[in-house]
PDB file of all heavy atoms in Angstrom:
ATOM      1  N   ALA A   1       5.989  -3.238   7.102  1.00  0.00           N
ATOM      2  CA  ALA A   1       5.327  -4.536   7.235  1.00  0.00           C
ATOM      3  C   ALA A   1       4.703  -4.734   8.612  1.00  0.00           C
ATOM      4  O   ALA A   1       3.719  -5.469   8.750  1.00  0.00           O
ATOM      5  CB  ALA A   1       6.326  -5.657   6.955  1.00  0.00           C
ATOM      6  N   ILE A   2       5.271  -4.098   9.631  1.00  0.00           N
ATOM      7  CA  ILE A   2       4.754  -4.303  10.987  1.00  0.00           C
ATOM      8  C   ILE A   2       3.305  -3.837  11.120  1.00  0.00           C
ATOM      9  O   ILE A   2       2.439  -4.614  11.544  1.00  0.00           O
ATOM     10  CB  ILE A   2       5.673  -3.626  12.018  1.00  0.00           C
ATOM     11  CG1 ILE A   2       7.026  -4.344  12.043  1.00  0.00           C
ATOM     12  CG2 ILE A   2       5.042  -3.652  13.405  1.00  0.00           C
ATOM     13  CD1 ILE A   2       8.084  -3.636  12.878  1.00  0.00           C
ATOM     14  N   PRO A   3       2.970  -2.584  10.764  1.00  0.00           N
ATOM     15  CA  PRO A   3       1.555  -2.190  10.868  1.00  0.00           C
ATOM     16  C   PRO A   3       0.659  -2.894   9.846  1.00  0.00           C
ATOM     17  O   PRO A   3      -0.505  -3.167  10.145  1.00  0.00           O
ATOM     18  CB  PRO A   3       1.587  -0.678  10.628  1.00  0.00           C
ATOM     19  CG  PRO A   3       2.846  -0.425   9.886  1.00  0.00           C
ATOM     20  CD  PRO A   3       3.820  -1.446  10.383  1.00  0.00           C
ATOM     21  N   THR A   4       1.184  -3.180   8.646  1.00  0.00           N
ATOM     22  CA  THR A   4       0.339  -3.864   7.651  1.00  0.00           C
ATOM     23  C   THR A   4       0.032  -5.293   8.099  1.00  0.00           C
ATOM     24  O   THR A   4      -1.059  -5.805   7.838  1.00  0.00           O
ATOM     25  CB  THR A   4       1.005  -3.868   6.272  1.00  0.00           C
ATOM     26  OG1 THR A   4       2.290  -4.499   6.352  1.00  0.00           O
ATOM     27  CG2 THR A   4       1.182  -2.459   5.748  1.00  0.00           C
ATOM     28  N   ALA A   5       1.000  -5.943   8.777  1.00  0.00           N
ATOM     29  CA  ALA A   5       0.745  -7.286   9.300  1.00  0.00           C
ATOM     30  C   ALA A   5      -0.355  -7.248  10.356  1.00  0.00           C
ATOM     31  O   ALA A   5      -1.211  -8.142  10.419  1.00  0.00           O
ATOM     32  CB  ALA A   5       2.022  -7.872   9.885  1.00  0.00           C
ATOM     33  N   PHE A   6      -0.348  -6.206  11.190  1.00  0.00           N
ATOM     34  CA  PHE A   6      -1.376  -6.063  12.225  1.00  0.00           C
ATOM     35  C   PHE A   6      -2.767  -6.010  11.590  1.00  0.00           C
ATOM     36  O   PHE A   6      -3.732  -6.560  12.123  1.00  0.00           O
ATOM     37  CB  PHE A   6      -1.120  -4.787  13.032  1.00  0.00           C
ATOM     38  CG  PHE A   6      -2.141  -4.530  14.096  1.00  0.00           C
ATOM     39  CD1 PHE A   6      -2.088  -5.208  15.300  1.00  0.00           C
ATOM     40  CD2 PHE A   6      -3.167  -3.618  13.885  1.00  0.00           C
ATOM     41  CE1 PHE A   6      -3.039  -4.980  16.286  1.00  0.00           C
ATOM     42  CE2 PHE A   6      -4.123  -3.388  14.865  1.00  0.00           C
ATOM     43  CZ  PHE A   6      -4.058  -4.073  16.064  1.00  0.00           C
ATOM     44  N   PHE A   7      -2.850  -5.386  10.410  1.00  0.00           N
ATOM     45  CA  PHE A   7      -4.134  -5.286   9.715  1.00  0.00           C
ATOM     46  C   PHE A   7      -4.466  -6.562   8.942  1.00  0.00           C
ATOM     47  O   PHE A   7      -5.540  -7.148   9.105  1.00  0.00           O
ATOM     48  CB  PHE A   7      -4.108  -4.080   8.767  1.00  0.00           C
ATOM     49  CG  PHE A   7      -5.226  -4.059   7.777  1.00  0.00           C
ATOM     50  CD1 PHE A   7      -6.530  -3.806   8.162  1.00  0.00           C
ATOM     51  CD2 PHE A   7      -4.977  -4.314   6.426  1.00  0.00           C
ATOM     52  CE1 PHE A   7      -7.571  -3.800   7.237  1.00  0.00           C
ATOM     53  CE2 PHE A   7      -6.001  -4.310   5.497  1.00  0.00           C
ATOM     54  CZ  PHE A   7      -7.302  -4.046   5.900  1.00  0.00           C
ATOM     55  N   THR A   8      -3.545  -7.022   8.104  1.00  0.00           N
ATOM     56  CA  THR A   8      -3.854  -8.133   7.199  1.00  0.00           C
ATOM     57  C   THR A   8      -3.969  -9.469   7.913  1.00  0.00           C
ATOM     58  O   THR A   8      -4.698 -10.351   7.456  1.00  0.00           O
ATOM     59  CB  THR A   8      -2.786  -8.234   6.094  1.00  0.00           C
ATOM     60  OG1 THR A   8      -1.480  -8.362   6.688  1.00  0.00           O
ATOM     61  CG2 THR A   8      -2.811  -7.000   5.201  1.00  0.00           C
ATOM     62  N   PHE A   9      -3.273  -9.642   9.037  1.00  0.00           N
ATOM     63  CA  PHE A   9      -3.326 -10.924   9.730  1.00  0.00           C
ATOM     64  C   PHE A   9      -4.661 -11.155  10.444  1.00  0.00           C
ATOM     65  O   PHE A   9      -4.899 -12.232  10.978  1.00  0.00           O
ATOM     66  CB  PHE A   9      -2.176 -11.044  10.727  1.00  0.00           C
ATOM     67  CG  PHE A   9      -0.872 -11.467  10.104  1.00  0.00           C
ATOM     68  CD1 PHE A   9      -0.646 -11.257   8.753  1.00  0.00           C
ATOM     69  CD2 PHE A   9       0.119 -12.065  10.847  1.00  0.00           C
ATOM     70  CE1 PHE A   9       0.544 -11.643   8.156  1.00  0.00           C
ATOM     71  CE2 PHE A   9       1.313 -12.457  10.274  1.00  0.00           C
ATOM     72  CZ  PHE A   9       1.525 -12.236   8.918  1.00  0.00           C
ATOM     73  N   ARG A  10      -5.496 -10.164  10.446  1.00  0.00           N
ATOM     74  CA  ARG A  10      -6.857 -10.357  10.955  1.00  0.00           C
ATOM     75  C   ARG A  10      -7.775 -10.940   9.888  1.00  0.00           C
ATOM     76  O   ARG A  10      -8.935 -11.235  10.162  1.00  0.00           O
ATOM     77  CB  ARG A  10      -7.421  -9.020  11.454  1.00  0.00           C
ATOM     78  CG  ARG A  10      -6.665  -8.446  12.638  1.00  0.00           C
ATOM     79  CD  ARG A  10      -7.134  -7.053  12.985  1.00  0.00           C
ATOM     80  NE  ARG A  10      -6.409  -6.523  14.133  1.00  0.00           N
ATOM     81  CZ  ARG A  10      -6.787  -6.650  15.393  1.00  0.00           C
ATOM     82  NH1 ARG A  10      -7.921  -7.280  15.675  1.00  0.00           N
ATOM     83  NH2 ARG A  10      -6.064  -6.162  16.381  1.00  0.00           N
ATOM     84  N   LEU A  11      -7.237 -11.085   8.679  1.00  0.00           N
ATOM     85  CA  LEU A  11      -8.007 -11.607   7.550  1.00  0.00           C
ATOM     86  C   LEU A  11      -7.501 -12.995   7.195  1.00  0.00           C
ATOM     87  O   LEU A  11      -6.345 -13.338   7.439  1.00  0.00           O
ATOM     88  CB  LEU A  11      -7.875 -10.671   6.337  1.00  0.00           C
ATOM     89  CG  LEU A  11      -8.198  -9.192   6.587  1.00  0.00           C
ATOM     90  CD1 LEU A  11      -7.846  -8.363   5.371  1.00  0.00           C
ATOM     91  CD2 LEU A  11      -9.671  -9.020   6.955  1.00  0.00           C
ATOM     92  N   TYR A  12      -8.364 -13.792   6.577  1.00  0.00           N
ATOM     93  CA  TYR A  12      -7.994 -15.157   6.237  1.00  0.00           C
ATOM     94  C   TYR A  12      -8.375 -15.464   4.791  1.00  0.00           C
ATOM     95  O   TYR A  12      -9.333 -14.893   4.253  1.00  0.00           O
ATOM     96  CB  TYR A  12      -8.683 -16.160   7.179  1.00  0.00           C
ATOM     97  CG  TYR A  12      -8.213 -16.046   8.613  1.00  0.00           C
ATOM     98  CD1 TYR A  12      -8.880 -15.216   9.511  1.00  0.00           C
ATOM     99  CD2 TYR A  12      -7.094 -16.740   9.054  1.00  0.00           C
ATOM    100  CE1 TYR A  12      -8.451 -15.093  10.830  1.00  0.00           C
ATOM    101  CE2 TYR A  12      -6.661 -16.624  10.372  1.00  0.00           C
ATOM    102  CZ  TYR A  12      -7.336 -15.811  11.246  1.00  0.00           C
ATOM    103  OH  TYR A  12      -6.900 -15.683  12.536  1.00  0.00           O
ATOM    104  N   GLY A  13      -7.580 -16.377   4.181  1.00  0.00           N
ATOM    105  CA  GLY A  13      -7.899 -16.855   2.840  1.00  0.00           C
ATOM    106  C   GLY A  13      -7.922 -15.734   1.814  1.00  0.00           C
ATOM    107  O   GLY A  13      -7.016 -14.895   1.753  1.00  0.00           O
ATOM    108  N   PRO A  14      -8.975 -15.705   0.997  1.00  0.00           N
ATOM    109  CA  PRO A  14      -9.060 -14.677  -0.051  1.00  0.00           C
ATOM    110  C   PRO A  14      -9.131 -13.263   0.516  1.00  0.00           C
ATOM    111  O   PRO A  14      -8.717 -12.309  -0.153  1.00  0.00           O
ATOM    112  CB  PRO A  14     -10.345 -15.045  -0.803  1.00  0.00           C
ATOM    113  CG  PRO A  14     -11.144 -15.879   0.147  1.00  0.00           C
ATOM    114  CD  PRO A  14     -10.140 -16.618   0.960  1.00  0.00           C
ATOM    115  N   TYR A  15      -9.651 -13.111   1.728  1.00  0.00           N
ATOM    116  CA  TYR A  15      -9.717 -11.786   2.336  1.00  0.00           C
ATOM    117  C   TYR A  15      -8.308 -11.267   2.642  1.00  0.00           C
ATOM    118  O   TYR A  15      -8.049 -10.059   2.544  1.00  0.00           O
ATOM    119  CB  TYR A  15     -10.565 -11.831   3.600  1.00  0.00           C
ATOM    120  CG  TYR A  15     -11.981 -12.279   3.341  1.00  0.00           C
ATOM    121  CD1 TYR A  15     -12.396 -13.572   3.642  1.00  0.00           C
ATOM    122  CD2 TYR A  15     -12.907 -11.408   2.764  1.00  0.00           C
ATOM    123  CE1 TYR A  15     -13.697 -13.992   3.393  1.00  0.00           C
ATOM    124  CE2 TYR A  15     -14.211 -11.813   2.514  1.00  0.00           C
ATOM    125  CZ  TYR A  15     -14.592 -13.108   2.825  1.00  0.00           C
ATOM    126  OH  TYR A  15     -15.875 -13.513   2.561  1.00  0.00           O
ATOM    127  N   PHE A  16      -7.409 -12.169   3.029  1.00  0.00           N
ATOM    128  CA  PHE A  16      -6.013 -11.768   3.246  1.00  0.00           C
ATOM    129  C   PHE A  16      -5.398 -11.304   1.937  1.00  0.00           C
ATOM    130  O   PHE A  16      -4.700 -10.275   1.898  1.00  0.00           O
ATOM    131  CB  PHE A  16      -5.207 -12.937   3.822  1.00  0.00           C
ATOM    132  CG  PHE A  16      -3.739 -12.656   3.957  1.00  0.00           C
ATOM    133  CD1 PHE A  16      -3.244 -11.998   5.089  1.00  0.00           C
ATOM    134  CD2 PHE A  16      -2.843 -13.019   2.964  1.00  0.00           C
ATOM    135  CE1 PHE A  16      -1.891 -11.725   5.213  1.00  0.00           C
ATOM    136  CE2 PHE A  16      -1.487 -12.751   3.081  1.00  0.00           C
ATOM    137  CZ  PHE A  16      -1.012 -12.102   4.211  1.00  0.00           C
ATOM    138  N   ALA A  17      -5.636 -12.045   0.858  1.00  0.00           N
ATOM    139  CA  ALA A  17      -5.082 -11.673  -0.449  1.00  0.00           C
ATOM    140  C   ALA A  17      -5.581 -10.297  -0.880  1.00  0.00           C
ATOM    141  O   ALA A  17      -4.798  -9.445  -1.316  1.00  0.00           O
ATOM    142  CB  ALA A  17      -5.460 -12.732  -1.492  1.00  0.00           C
ATOM    143  N   ILE A  18      -6.876 -10.074  -0.750  1.00  0.00           N
ATOM    144  CA  ILE A  18      -7.444  -8.772  -1.125  1.00  0.00           C
ATOM    145  C   ILE A  18      -6.905  -7.673  -0.214  1.00  0.00           C
ATOM    146  O   ILE A  18      -6.596  -6.561  -0.662  1.00  0.00           O
ATOM    147  CB  ILE A  18      -8.980  -8.826  -1.061  1.00  0.00           C
ATOM    148  CG1 ILE A  18      -9.509  -9.801  -2.122  1.00  0.00           C
ATOM    149  CG2 ILE A  18      -9.585  -7.447  -1.279  1.00  0.00           C
ATOM    150  CD1 ILE A  18     -10.988 -10.095  -2.012  1.00  0.00           C
ATOM    151  N   GLY A  19      -6.767  -7.974   1.075  1.00  0.00           N
ATOM    152  CA  GLY A  19      -6.252  -6.993   2.017  1.00  0.00           C
ATOM    153  C   GLY A  19      -4.847  -6.535   1.673  1.00  0.00           C
ATOM    154  O   GLY A  19      -4.526  -5.337   1.770  1.00  0.00           O
ATOM    155  N   THR A  20      -3.989  -7.468   1.259  1.00  0.00           N
ATOM    156  CA  THR A  20      -2.623  -7.084   0.890  1.00  0.00           C
ATOM    157  C   THR A  20      -2.622  -6.202  -0.351  1.00  0.00           C
ATOM    158  O   THR A  20      -1.819  -5.267  -0.454  1.00  0.00           O
ATOM    159  CB  THR A  20      -1.753  -8.330   0.639  1.00  0.00           C
ATOM    160  OG1 THR A  20      -2.347  -9.147  -0.390  1.00  0.00           O
ATOM    161  CG2 THR A  20      -1.617  -9.160   1.910  1.00  0.00           C
ATOM    162  N   TRP A  21      -3.513  -6.479  -1.298  1.00  0.00           N
ATOM    163  CA  TRP A  21      -3.605  -5.640  -2.501  1.00  0.00           C
ATOM    164  C   TRP A  21      -4.093  -4.240  -2.141  1.00  0.00           C
ATOM    165  O   TRP A  21      -3.591  -3.239  -2.670  1.00  0.00           O
ATOM    166  CB  TRP A  21      -4.541  -6.293  -3.514  1.00  0.00           C
ATOM    167  CG  TRP A  21      -4.767  -5.444  -4.732  1.00  0.00           C
ATOM    168  CD1 TRP A  21      -3.920  -5.262  -5.781  1.00  0.00           C
ATOM    169  CD2 TRP A  21      -5.931  -4.648  -5.004  1.00  0.00           C
ATOM    170  NE1 TRP A  21      -4.481  -4.406  -6.702  1.00  0.00           N
ATOM    171  CE2 TRP A  21      -5.706  -4.009  -6.251  1.00  0.00           C
ATOM    172  CE3 TRP A  21      -7.122  -4.415  -4.316  1.00  0.00           C
ATOM    173  CZ2 TRP A  21      -6.643  -3.161  -6.814  1.00  0.00           C
ATOM    174  CZ3 TRP A  21      -8.058  -3.564  -4.882  1.00  0.00           C
ATOM    175  CH2 TRP A  21      -7.817  -2.950  -6.120  1.00  0.00           C
ATOM    176  N   VAL A  22      -5.067  -4.151  -1.237  1.00  0.00           N
ATOM    177  CA  VAL A  22      -5.573  -2.844  -0.817  1.00  0.00           C
ATOM    178  C   VAL A  22      -4.460  -2.032  -0.154  1.00  0.00           C
ATOM    179  O   VAL A  22      -4.298  -0.826  -0.429  1.00  0.00           O
ATOM    180  CB  VAL A  22      -6.768  -3.017   0.144  1.00  0.00           C
ATOM    181  CG1 VAL A  22      -7.141  -1.681   0.788  1.00  0.00           C
ATOM    182  CG2 VAL A  22      -7.961  -3.598  -0.598  1.00  0.00           C
ATOM    183  N   VAL A  23      -3.671  -2.660   0.700  1.00  0.00           N
ATOM    184  CA  VAL A  23      -2.559  -1.968   1.352  1.00  0.00           C
ATOM    185  C   VAL A  23      -1.587  -1.434   0.310  1.00  0.00           C
ATOM    186  O   VAL A  23      -1.117  -0.289   0.400  1.00  0.00           O
ATOM    187  CB  VAL A  23      -1.840  -2.918   2.330  1.00  0.00           C
ATOM    188  CG1 VAL A  23      -0.514  -2.317   2.792  1.00  0.00           C
ATOM    189  CG2 VAL A  23      -2.722  -3.209   3.532  1.00  0.00           C
ATOM    190  N   ALA A  24      -1.283  -2.253  -0.700  1.00  0.00           N
ATOM    191  CA  ALA A  24      -0.365  -1.819  -1.752  1.00  0.00           C
ATOM    192  C   ALA A  24      -0.900  -0.607  -2.496  1.00  0.00           C
ATOM    193  O   ALA A  24      -0.154   0.331  -2.816  1.00  0.00           O
ATOM    194  CB  ALA A  24      -0.102  -2.971  -2.721  1.00  0.00           C
ATOM    195  N   GLU A  25      -2.198  -0.598  -2.782  1.00  0.00           N
ATOM    196  CA  GLU A  25      -2.792   0.535  -3.497  1.00  0.00           C
ATOM    197  C   GLU A  25      -2.786   1.799  -2.643  1.00  0.00           C
ATOM    198  O   GLU A  25      -2.544   2.902  -3.155  1.00  0.00           O
ATOM    199  CB  GLU A  25      -4.229   0.187  -3.908  1.00  0.00           C
ATOM    200  CG  GLU A  25      -4.312  -0.769  -5.090  1.00  0.00           C
ATOM    201  CD  GLU A  25      -3.653  -0.191  -6.328  1.00  0.00           C
ATOM    202  OE1 GLU A  25      -4.175   0.808  -6.866  1.00  0.00           O
ATOM    203  OE2 GLU A  25      -2.602  -0.722  -6.745  1.00  0.00           O
ATOM    204  N   VAL A  26      -3.034   1.649  -1.353  1.00  0.00           N
ATOM    205  CA  VAL A  26      -3.013   2.812  -0.457  1.00  0.00           C
ATOM    206  C   VAL A  26      -1.611   3.424  -0.417  1.00  0.00           C
ATOM    207  O   VAL A  26      -1.445   4.652  -0.523  1.00  0.00           O
ATOM    208  CB  VAL A  26      -3.467   2.413   0.956  1.00  0.00           C
ATOM    209  CG1 VAL A  26      -3.205   3.542   1.949  1.00  0.00           C
ATOM    210  CG2 VAL A  26      -4.948   2.053   0.957  1.00  0.00           C
ATOM    211  N   VAL A  27      -0.590   2.584  -0.282  1.00  0.00           N
ATOM    212  CA  VAL A  27       0.788   3.092  -0.235  1.00  0.00           C
ATOM    213  C   VAL A  27       1.156   3.741  -1.566  1.00  0.00           C
ATOM    214  O   VAL A  27       1.810   4.791  -1.600  1.00  0.00           O
ATOM    215  CB  VAL A  27       1.765   1.950   0.113  1.00  0.00           C
ATOM    216  CG1 VAL A  27       3.209   2.445   0.049  1.00  0.00           C
ATOM    217  CG2 VAL A  27       1.461   1.406   1.503  1.00  0.00           C
ATOM    218  N   ARG A  28       0.716   3.151  -2.681  1.00  0.00           N
ATOM    219  CA  ARG A  28       0.998   3.736  -3.999  1.00  0.00           C
ATOM    220  C   ARG A  28       0.384   5.127  -4.114  1.00  0.00           C
ATOM    221  O   ARG A  28       1.035   6.077  -4.576  1.00  0.00           O
ATOM    222  CB  ARG A  28       0.455   2.833  -5.110  1.00  0.00           C
ATOM    223  CG  ARG A  28       0.686   3.384  -6.519  1.00  0.00           C
ATOM    224  CD  ARG A  28       0.041   2.501  -7.565  1.00  0.00           C
ATOM    225  NE  ARG A  28      -1.418   2.566  -7.517  1.00  0.00           N
ATOM    226  CZ  ARG A  28      -2.137   3.522  -8.099  1.00  0.00           C
ATOM    227  NH1 ARG A  28      -1.543   4.505  -8.772  1.00  0.00           N
ATOM    228  NH2 ARG A  28      -3.455   3.496  -8.006  1.00  0.00           N
ATOM    229  N   LEU A  29      -0.858   5.266  -3.705  1.00  0.00           N
ATOM    230  CA  LEU A  29      -1.532   6.564  -3.802  1.00  0.00           C
ATOM    231  C   LEU A  29      -0.872   7.606  -2.894  1.00  0.00           C
ATOM    232  O   LEU A  29      -0.761   8.781  -3.267  1.00  0.00           O
ATOM    233  CB  LEU A  29      -3.007   6.399  -3.432  1.00  0.00           C
ATOM    234  CG  LEU A  29      -3.851   5.589  -4.429  1.00  0.00           C
ATOM    235  CD1 LEU A  29      -5.244   5.340  -3.878  1.00  0.00           C
ATOM    236  CD2 LEU A  29      -3.929   6.305  -5.780  1.00  0.00           C
ATOM    237  N   LEU A  30      -0.412   7.171  -1.731  1.00  0.00           N
ATOM    238  CA  LEU A  30       0.262   8.107  -0.829  1.00  0.00           C
ATOM    239  C   LEU A  30       1.593   8.589  -1.415  1.00  0.00           C
ATOM    240  O   LEU A  30       1.901   9.791  -1.392  1.00  0.00           O
ATOM    241  CB  LEU A  30       0.482   7.456   0.531  1.00  0.00           C
ATOM    242  CG  LEU A  30      -0.770   7.216   1.385  1.00  0.00           C
ATOM    243  CD1 LEU A  30      -0.411   6.441   2.646  1.00  0.00           C
ATOM    244  CD2 LEU A  30      -1.435   8.548   1.752  1.00  0.00           C
ATOM    245  N   LEU A  31       2.372   7.658  -1.959  1.00  0.00           N
ATOM    246  CA  LEU A  31       3.668   8.042  -2.510  1.00  0.00           C
ATOM    247  C   LEU A  31       3.521   8.834  -3.800  1.00  0.00           C
ATOM    248  O   LEU A  31       4.424   9.597  -4.164  1.00  0.00           O
ATOM    249  CB  LEU A  31       4.529   6.798  -2.742  1.00  0.00           C
ATOM    250  CG  LEU A  31       5.055   6.136  -1.462  1.00  0.00           C
ATOM    251  CD1 LEU A  31       5.815   4.861  -1.782  1.00  0.00           C
ATOM    252  CD2 LEU A  31       5.954   7.094  -0.685  1.00  0.00           C
ATOM    253  N   ALA A  32       2.404   8.663  -4.493  1.00  0.00           N
ATOM    254  CA  ALA A  32       2.158   9.456  -5.703  1.00  0.00           C
ATOM    255  C   ALA A  32       1.973  10.940  -5.368  1.00  0.00           C
ATOM    256  O   ALA A  32       2.059  11.792  -6.269  1.00  0.00           O
ATOM    257  CB  ALA A  32       0.931   8.932  -6.434  1.00  0.00           C
ATOM    258  N   GLN A  33       1.745  11.250  -4.094  1.00  0.00           N
ATOM    259  CA  GLN A  33       1.608  12.649  -3.670  1.00  0.00           C
ATOM    260  C   GLN A  33       2.945  13.257  -3.234  1.00  0.00           C
ATOM    261  O   GLN A  33       2.992  14.443  -2.885  1.00  0.00           O
ATOM    262  CB  GLN A  33       0.611  12.741  -2.501  1.00  0.00           C
ATOM    263  CG  GLN A  33      -0.707  12.029  -2.725  1.00  0.00           C
ATOM    264  CD  GLN A  33      -1.401  12.475  -4.001  1.00  0.00           C
ATOM    265  OE1 GLN A  33      -1.502  13.663  -4.288  1.00  0.00           O
ATOM    266  NE2 GLN A  33      -1.892  11.499  -4.770  1.00  0.00           N
ATOM    267  N   TRP A  34       4.011  12.463  -3.253  1.00  0.00           N
ATOM    268  CA  TRP A  34       5.318  12.924  -2.773  1.00  0.00           C
ATOM    269  C   TRP A  34       5.970  13.762  -3.867  1.00  0.00           C
ATOM    270  O   TRP A  34       6.656  13.252  -4.740  1.00  0.00           O
ATOM    271  CB  TRP A  34       6.187  11.729  -2.401  1.00  0.00           C
ATOM    272  CG  TRP A  34       7.377  12.071  -1.570  1.00  0.00           C
ATOM    273  CD1 TRP A  34       7.793  13.306  -1.171  1.00  0.00           C
ATOM    274  CD2 TRP A  34       8.321  11.137  -1.022  1.00  0.00           C
ATOM    275  NE1 TRP A  34       8.926  13.226  -0.414  1.00  0.00           N
ATOM    276  CE2 TRP A  34       9.279  11.907  -0.302  1.00  0.00           C
ATOM    277  CE3 TRP A  34       8.450   9.757  -1.061  1.00  0.00           C
ATOM    278  CZ2 TRP A  34      10.353  11.316   0.354  1.00  0.00           C
ATOM    279  CZ3 TRP A  34       9.514   9.172  -0.405  1.00  0.00           C
ATOM    280  CH2 TRP A  34      10.445   9.931   0.301  1.00  0.00           C
ATOM    281  N   LYS A  35       5.751  15.066  -3.825  1.00  0.00           N
ATOM    282  CA  LYS A  35       6.220  15.959  -4.884  1.00  0.00           C
ATOM    283  C   LYS A  35       7.737  15.990  -4.985  1.00  0.00           C
ATOM    284  O   LYS A  35       8.288  16.196  -6.069  1.00  0.00           O
ATOM    285  CB  LYS A  35       5.693  17.380  -4.633  1.00  0.00           C
ATOM    286  CG  LYS A  35       4.166  17.474  -4.605  1.00  0.00           C
ATOM    287  CD  LYS A  35       3.548  17.016  -5.911  1.00  0.00           C
ATOM    288  CE  LYS A  35       2.025  17.169  -5.875  1.00  0.00           C
ATOM    289  NZ  LYS A  35       1.396  16.668  -7.137  1.00  0.00           N
ATOM    290  N   ALA A  36       8.430  15.810  -3.871  1.00  0.00           N
ATOM    291  CA  ALA A  36       9.895  15.857  -3.891  1.00  0.00           C
ATOM    292  C   ALA A  36      10.483  14.756  -4.763  1.00  0.00           C
ATOM    293  O   ALA A  36      11.618  14.886  -5.250  1.00  0.00           O
ATOM    294  CB  ALA A  36      10.443  15.748  -2.471  1.00  0.00           C
ATOM    295  N   LEU A  37       9.727  13.665  -4.964  1.00  0.00           N
ATOM    296  CA  LEU A  37      10.182  12.572  -5.821  1.00  0.00           C
ATOM    297  C   LEU A  37       9.318  12.446  -7.075  1.00  0.00           C
ATOM    298  O   LEU A  37       9.116  11.352  -7.599  1.00  0.00           O
ATOM    299  CB  LEU A  37      10.199  11.253  -5.046  1.00  0.00           C
ATOM    300  CG  LEU A  37      11.265  11.164  -3.948  1.00  0.00           C
ATOM    301  CD1 LEU A  37      11.202   9.825  -3.238  1.00  0.00           C
ATOM    302  CD2 LEU A  37      12.665  11.386  -4.516  1.00  0.00           C
ATOM    303  N   GLY A  38       8.811  13.575  -7.553  1.00  0.00           N
ATOM    304  CA  GLY A  38       8.143  13.599  -8.845  1.00  0.00           C
ATOM    305  C   GLY A  38       6.654  13.380  -8.824  1.00  0.00           C
ATOM    306  O   GLY A  38       6.021  13.407  -9.886  1.00  0.00           O
ATOM    307  N   GLY A  39       6.059  13.107  -7.652  1.00  0.00           N
ATOM    308  CA  GLY A  39       4.618  12.887  -7.598  1.00  0.00           C
ATOM    309  C   GLY A  39       4.183  11.720  -8.462  1.00  0.00           C
ATOM    310  O   GLY A  39       4.821  10.664  -8.489  1.00  0.00           O
ATOM    311  N   GLY A  40       3.103  11.924  -9.202  1.00  0.00           N
ATOM    312  CA  GLY A  40       2.555  10.839 -10.015  1.00  0.00           C
ATOM    313  C   GLY A  40       3.362  10.520 -11.256  1.00  0.00           C
ATOM    314  O   GLY A  40       3.231   9.426 -11.818  1.00  0.00           O
ATOM    315  N   THR A  41       4.218  11.433 -11.695  1.00  0.00           N
ATOM    316  CA  THR A  41       5.006  11.173 -12.908  1.00  0.00           C
ATOM    317  C   THR A  41       6.351  10.540 -12.622  1.00  0.00           C
ATOM    318  O   THR A  41       7.000  10.013 -13.524  1.00  0.00           O
ATOM    319  CB  THR A  41       5.233  12.491 -13.679  1.00  0.00           C
ATOM    320  OG1 THR A  41       5.904  13.427 -12.822  1.00  0.00           O
ATOM    321  CG2 THR A  41       3.914  13.070 -14.138  1.00  0.00           C
ATOM    322  N   GLY A  42       6.802  10.604 -11.368  1.00  0.00           N
ATOM    323  CA  GLY A  42       8.052   9.964 -11.011  1.00  0.00           C
ATOM    324  C   GLY A  42       9.264  10.844 -11.225  1.00  0.00           C
ATOM    325  O   GLY A  42       9.157  12.026 -11.582  1.00  0.00           O
ATOM    326  N   THR A  43      10.441  10.270 -11.044  1.00  0.00           N
ATOM    327  CA  THR A  43      11.690  11.012 -11.166  1.00  0.00           C
ATOM    328  C   THR A  43      12.819  10.049 -11.503  1.00  0.00           C
ATOM    329  O   THR A  43      12.614   8.833 -11.558  1.00  0.00           O
ATOM    330  CB  THR A  43      12.004  11.757  -9.850  1.00  0.00           C
ATOM    331  OG1 THR A  43      13.126  12.606 -10.044  1.00  0.00           O
ATOM    332  CG2 THR A  43      12.304  10.772  -8.725  1.00  0.00           C
ATOM    333  N   SER A  44      14.006  10.609 -11.706  1.00  0.00           N
ATOM    334  CA  SER A  44      15.199   9.808 -12.024  1.00  0.00           C
ATOM    335  C   SER A  44      16.263  10.020 -10.962  1.00  0.00           C
ATOM    336  O   SER A  44      16.297  11.069 -10.297  1.00  0.00           O
ATOM    337  CB  SER A  44      15.758  10.188 -13.398  1.00  0.00           C
ATOM    338  OG  SER A  44      14.819   9.962 -14.426  1.00  0.00           O
TER     339      SER A  44
END
């Protein structure tokens, strides 16, 4: 949250809302590459 706050807090109103969604998508795509935890298909 610390680095994401540095980015998103520069945005206001609807831009803040969109910015938080973009951050979530970036983190999702990065973790989908984590092969040790199943990559895009996941793990148990």
